[in-house]
């Protein structure tokens, strides 16, 4: 599902504190603390949705030069983590097959 568009769920509230963000999920009553990179990805998902490629590009600018080559792996891990926390979901942007 990494070619999908990821969007944040509507039931979350975000409060930014310095380099971190606190995220409250009103549906589950779970609260999470996100680092700056994860908070940036969540913001991208909230604003307009984002793809793996867009997250990879954004993280390349956040990471130190020696870590930038791992941006794609960090992007996949961040999207997977945010999805497992119930904060984002992939949105199917492909039309259904004909006849379905």
N, C-alpha and C. Protein backbone atom coordinates (compact mmCIF):
# COMPACT_ATOMS: atom_id res chain seq x y z
N UNK A 1 0.82 -1.21 0.00
CA UNK A 1 0.00 0.00 0.00
C UNK A 1 0.85 1.26 0.00
N UNK A 2 2.15 1.14 -0.22
CA UNK A 2 2.99 2.32 -0.13
C UNK A 2 2.86 3.24 -1.34
N UNK A 3 2.15 2.83 -2.39
CA UNK A 3 1.92 3.73 -3.52
C UNK A 3 0.63 4.52 -3.32
N UNK A 4 -0.05 4.27 -2.23
CA UNK A 4 -1.33 4.91 -1.94
C UNK A 4 -1.14 6.34 -1.46
N UNK A 5 -2.23 7.05 -1.44
CA UNK A 5 -2.29 8.36 -0.82
C UNK A 5 -2.69 8.14 0.63
N UNK A 6 -1.96 8.73 1.55
CA UNK A 6 -2.25 8.58 2.98
C UNK A 6 -2.92 9.84 3.49
N UNK A 7 -3.99 9.66 4.25
CA UNK A 7 -4.71 10.79 4.85
C UNK A 7 -4.87 10.55 6.36
N UNK A 8 -4.83 11.65 7.09
CA UNK A 8 -5.05 11.57 8.53
C UNK A 8 -6.53 11.34 8.80
N UNK A 9 -6.81 10.65 9.89
CA UNK A 9 -8.19 10.44 10.29
C UNK A 9 -8.75 11.74 10.85
N UNK A 10 -10.04 11.97 10.69
CA UNK A 10 -10.62 13.26 11.12
C UNK A 10 -10.78 13.40 12.63
N UNK A 11 -10.63 12.33 13.37
CA UNK A 11 -10.92 12.35 14.80
C UNK A 11 -9.68 12.61 15.65
N UNK A 12 -8.65 13.27 15.11
CA UNK A 12 -7.45 13.52 15.89
C UNK A 12 -7.25 15.01 16.13
N UNK A 13 -6.65 15.31 17.26
CA UNK A 13 -6.27 16.68 17.59
C UNK A 13 -4.78 16.71 17.85
N UNK A 14 -4.11 17.76 17.39
CA UNK A 14 -2.65 17.85 17.49
C UNK A 14 -2.29 19.15 18.21
N UNK A 15 -1.41 19.02 19.19
CA UNK A 15 -0.85 20.17 19.88
C UNK A 15 0.67 20.10 19.73
N UNK A 16 1.25 21.16 19.19
CA UNK A 16 2.70 21.19 18.98
C UNK A 16 3.41 21.77 20.20
N UNK A 17 4.49 21.10 20.59
CA UNK A 17 5.37 21.54 21.67
C UNK A 17 6.80 21.45 21.19
N UNK A 18 7.41 22.61 20.94
CA UNK A 18 8.81 22.66 20.50
C UNK A 18 9.06 21.68 19.36
N UNK A 19 9.89 20.68 19.60
CA UNK A 19 10.28 19.70 18.57
C UNK A 19 9.35 18.49 18.50
N UNK A 20 8.34 18.45 19.34
CA UNK A 20 7.44 17.29 19.39
C UNK A 20 6.00 17.74 19.26
N UNK A 21 5.13 16.78 19.02
CA UNK A 21 3.70 17.05 18.97
C UNK A 21 2.97 15.99 19.79
N UNK A 22 1.92 16.41 20.45
CA UNK A 22 1.05 15.50 21.17
C UNK A 22 -0.21 15.33 20.33
N UNK A 23 -0.57 14.06 20.08
CA UNK A 23 -1.72 13.76 19.24
C UNK A 23 -2.74 12.99 20.07
N UNK A 24 -3.97 13.47 20.06
CA UNK A 24 -5.06 12.81 20.78
C UNK A 24 -6.05 12.27 19.77
N UNK A 25 -6.36 10.99 19.90
CA UNK A 25 -7.34 10.34 19.04
C UNK A 25 -8.66 10.30 19.82
N UNK A 26 -9.61 11.11 19.42
CA UNK A 26 -10.88 11.21 20.14
C UNK A 26 -11.73 9.95 20.05
N UNK A 27 -11.49 9.13 19.04
CA UNK A 27 -12.24 7.90 18.89
C UNK A 27 -11.79 6.84 19.90
N UNK A 28 -10.47 6.71 20.07
CA UNK A 28 -9.92 5.67 20.95
C UNK A 28 -9.47 6.19 22.31
N UNK A 29 -9.40 7.50 22.44
CA UNK A 29 -8.90 8.18 23.64
C UNK A 29 -7.41 7.90 23.86
N UNK A 30 -6.71 7.50 22.82
CA UNK A 30 -5.26 7.30 22.90
C UNK A 30 -4.55 8.63 22.68
N UNK A 31 -3.44 8.80 23.37
CA UNK A 31 -2.59 9.98 23.21
C UNK A 31 -1.20 9.51 22.82
N UNK A 32 -0.59 10.20 21.86
CA UNK A 32 0.73 9.82 21.37
C UNK A 32 1.62 11.06 21.32
N UNK A 33 2.90 10.87 21.57
CA UNK A 33 3.89 11.93 21.41
C UNK A 33 4.72 11.59 20.18
N UNK A 34 4.76 12.53 19.23
CA UNK A 34 5.48 12.32 17.97
C UNK A 34 6.71 13.21 17.91
N UNK A 35 7.78 12.67 17.36
CA UNK A 35 8.96 13.51 17.13
C UNK A 35 8.68 14.44 15.95
N UNK A 36 9.61 15.33 15.66
CA UNK A 36 9.39 16.36 14.64
C UNK A 36 9.13 15.75 13.26
N UNK A 37 9.86 14.71 12.89
CA UNK A 37 9.68 14.10 11.57
C UNK A 37 8.31 13.46 11.45
N UNK A 38 7.90 12.70 12.45
CA UNK A 38 6.58 12.06 12.40
C UNK A 38 5.47 13.10 12.42
N UNK A 39 5.66 14.17 13.19
CA UNK A 39 4.67 15.25 13.22
C UNK A 39 4.54 15.92 11.87
N UNK A 40 5.67 16.10 11.16
CA UNK A 40 5.64 16.70 9.83
C UNK A 40 4.86 15.81 8.86
N UNK A 41 5.10 14.51 8.94
CA UNK A 41 4.39 13.57 8.05
C UNK A 41 2.89 13.59 8.37
N UNK A 42 2.54 13.60 9.64
CA UNK A 42 1.12 13.66 10.01
C UNK A 42 0.49 14.95 9.51
N UNK A 43 1.22 16.06 9.60
CA UNK A 43 0.70 17.33 9.10
C UNK A 43 0.46 17.27 7.60
N UNK A 44 1.37 16.63 6.87
CA UNK A 44 1.18 16.46 5.43
C UNK A 44 -0.07 15.65 5.14
N UNK A 45 -0.29 14.61 5.92
CA UNK A 45 -1.48 13.76 5.75
C UNK A 45 -2.75 14.52 6.09
N UNK A 46 -2.67 15.42 7.06
CA UNK A 46 -3.84 16.21 7.47
C UNK A 46 -4.15 17.29 6.44
N UNK A 47 -3.11 17.93 5.91
CA UNK A 47 -3.30 19.06 5.01
C UNK A 47 -3.91 18.66 3.67
N UNK A 48 -3.31 17.68 3.01
CA UNK A 48 -3.75 17.35 1.66
C UNK A 48 -3.57 15.88 1.32
N UNK A 49 -3.10 15.09 2.27
CA UNK A 49 -2.76 13.71 1.97
C UNK A 49 -1.38 13.68 1.34
N UNK A 50 -0.72 12.55 1.42
CA UNK A 50 0.63 12.45 0.86
C UNK A 50 0.93 11.01 0.46
N UNK A 51 1.90 10.91 -0.42
CA UNK A 51 2.36 9.60 -0.89
C UNK A 51 3.70 9.29 -0.26
N UNK A 52 4.15 8.06 -0.43
CA UNK A 52 5.46 7.66 0.05
C UNK A 52 6.54 8.54 -0.57
N UNK A 53 6.43 8.83 -1.85
CA UNK A 53 7.44 9.66 -2.52
C UNK A 53 7.50 11.06 -1.91
N UNK A 54 6.35 11.63 -1.60
CA UNK A 54 6.33 12.97 -0.99
C UNK A 54 6.93 12.95 0.41
N UNK A 55 6.64 11.91 1.17
CA UNK A 55 7.21 11.79 2.52
C UNK A 55 8.71 11.60 2.44
N UNK A 56 9.17 10.78 1.50
CA UNK A 56 10.61 10.57 1.32
C UNK A 56 11.30 11.89 1.03
N UNK A 57 10.75 12.67 0.13
CA UNK A 57 11.34 13.96 -0.22
C UNK A 57 11.38 14.90 0.99
N UNK A 58 10.30 14.95 1.74
CA UNK A 58 10.25 15.82 2.91
C UNK A 58 11.27 15.39 3.96
N UNK A 59 11.40 14.09 4.17
CA UNK A 59 12.34 13.60 5.19
C UNK A 59 13.79 13.81 4.77
N UNK A 60 14.07 13.81 3.48
CA UNK A 60 15.43 14.07 3.03
C UNK A 60 15.91 15.43 3.52
N UNK A 61 15.00 16.38 3.63
CA UNK A 61 15.36 17.72 4.09
C UNK A 61 15.50 17.79 5.61
N UNK A 62 14.88 16.85 6.32
CA UNK A 62 14.94 16.84 7.79
C UNK A 62 16.15 16.09 8.33
N UNK A 63 16.60 15.11 7.58
CA UNK A 63 17.65 14.23 8.06
C UNK A 63 19.04 14.84 7.86
N UNK A 64 19.97 14.44 8.70
CA UNK A 64 21.36 14.84 8.51
C UNK A 64 21.85 14.25 7.20
N UNK A 65 22.86 14.88 6.62
CA UNK A 65 23.35 14.48 5.29
C UNK A 65 23.65 12.99 5.21
N UNK A 66 24.30 12.43 6.22
CA UNK A 66 24.66 11.02 6.17
C UNK A 66 23.45 10.09 6.32
N UNK A 67 22.33 10.60 6.82
CA UNK A 67 21.12 9.80 6.98
C UNK A 67 20.15 9.96 5.80
N UNK A 68 20.33 10.98 4.98
CA UNK A 68 19.39 11.29 3.91
C UNK A 68 19.24 10.13 2.93
N UNK A 69 20.27 9.33 2.77
CA UNK A 69 20.17 8.20 1.83
C UNK A 69 19.19 7.14 2.33
N UNK A 70 18.84 7.19 3.60
CA UNK A 70 17.88 6.24 4.17
C UNK A 70 16.48 6.84 4.27
N UNK A 71 16.24 7.97 3.59
CA UNK A 71 14.96 8.67 3.71
C UNK A 71 13.78 7.79 3.30
N UNK A 72 13.94 6.98 2.26
CA UNK A 72 12.83 6.13 1.81
C UNK A 72 12.45 5.11 2.88
N UNK A 73 13.45 4.49 3.50
CA UNK A 73 13.18 3.53 4.57
C UNK A 73 12.53 4.21 5.76
N UNK A 74 13.03 5.40 6.13
CA UNK A 74 12.43 6.16 7.23
C UNK A 74 10.99 6.55 6.90
N UNK A 75 10.75 6.91 5.65
CA UNK A 75 9.40 7.29 5.23
C UNK A 75 8.43 6.12 5.37
N UNK A 76 8.84 4.94 4.91
CA UNK A 76 7.98 3.75 5.03
C UNK A 76 7.72 3.42 6.50
N UNK A 77 8.76 3.48 7.32
CA UNK A 77 8.61 3.20 8.75
C UNK A 77 7.67 4.20 9.41
N UNK A 78 7.80 5.47 9.05
CA UNK A 78 6.96 6.50 9.65
C UNK A 78 5.50 6.33 9.24
N UNK A 79 5.25 6.08 7.96
CA UNK A 79 3.88 5.84 7.51
C UNK A 79 3.29 4.60 8.17
N UNK A 80 4.07 3.53 8.26
CA UNK A 80 3.59 2.31 8.91
C UNK A 80 3.29 2.56 10.38
N UNK A 81 4.15 3.31 11.06
CA UNK A 81 3.95 3.59 12.49
C UNK A 81 2.70 4.44 12.70
N UNK A 82 2.53 5.49 11.90
CA UNK A 82 1.34 6.34 12.04
C UNK A 82 0.07 5.56 11.74
N UNK A 83 0.13 4.65 10.78
CA UNK A 83 -1.03 3.82 10.48
C UNK A 83 -1.32 2.86 11.62
N UNK A 84 -0.28 2.25 12.19
CA UNK A 84 -0.51 1.30 13.28
C UNK A 84 -1.03 2.01 14.54
N UNK A 85 -0.73 3.30 14.69
CA UNK A 85 -1.26 4.08 15.82
C UNK A 85 -2.70 4.52 15.58
N UNK A 86 -3.21 4.28 14.38
CA UNK A 86 -4.58 4.66 14.06
C UNK A 86 -4.73 6.14 13.76
N UNK A 87 -3.65 6.77 13.26
CA UNK A 87 -3.70 8.20 12.99
C UNK A 87 -3.87 8.52 11.50
N UNK A 88 -3.46 7.59 10.63
CA UNK A 88 -3.62 7.78 9.19
C UNK A 88 -4.11 6.47 8.57
N UNK A 89 -4.64 6.59 7.37
CA UNK A 89 -5.06 5.43 6.59
C UNK A 89 -4.71 5.66 5.13
N UNK A 90 -4.36 4.59 4.41
CA UNK A 90 -4.17 4.74 2.96
C UNK A 90 -5.53 4.87 2.29
N UNK A 91 -5.56 5.69 1.26
CA UNK A 91 -6.78 5.91 0.50
C UNK A 91 -6.55 5.33 -0.88
N UNK A 92 -7.43 4.49 -1.32
CA UNK A 92 -7.30 3.89 -2.66
C UNK A 92 -7.59 4.95 -3.71
N UNK A 93 -6.58 5.27 -4.51
CA UNK A 93 -6.75 6.26 -5.55
C UNK A 93 -6.93 5.61 -6.92
N UNK A 94 -6.90 4.28 -6.96
CA UNK A 94 -7.09 3.54 -8.21
C UNK A 94 -8.58 3.29 -8.43
N UNK A 95 -9.07 3.47 -9.64
CA UNK A 95 -10.47 3.13 -9.89
C UNK A 95 -10.65 1.62 -9.81
N UNK A 96 -11.83 1.15 -9.41
CA UNK A 96 -12.07 -0.29 -9.35
C UNK A 96 -11.98 -0.89 -10.76
N UNK A 97 -11.60 -2.16 -10.85
CA UNK A 97 -11.54 -2.82 -12.16
C UNK A 97 -12.91 -2.82 -12.83
N UNK A 98 -12.91 -2.77 -14.13
CA UNK A 98 -14.16 -2.78 -14.89
C UNK A 98 -14.96 -4.05 -14.59
N UNK A 99 -16.24 -3.90 -14.44
CA UNK A 99 -17.11 -5.04 -14.20
C UNK A 99 -17.19 -5.45 -12.75
N UNK A 100 -16.64 -4.66 -11.85
CA UNK A 100 -16.71 -5.03 -10.41
C UNK A 100 -17.73 -4.19 -9.74
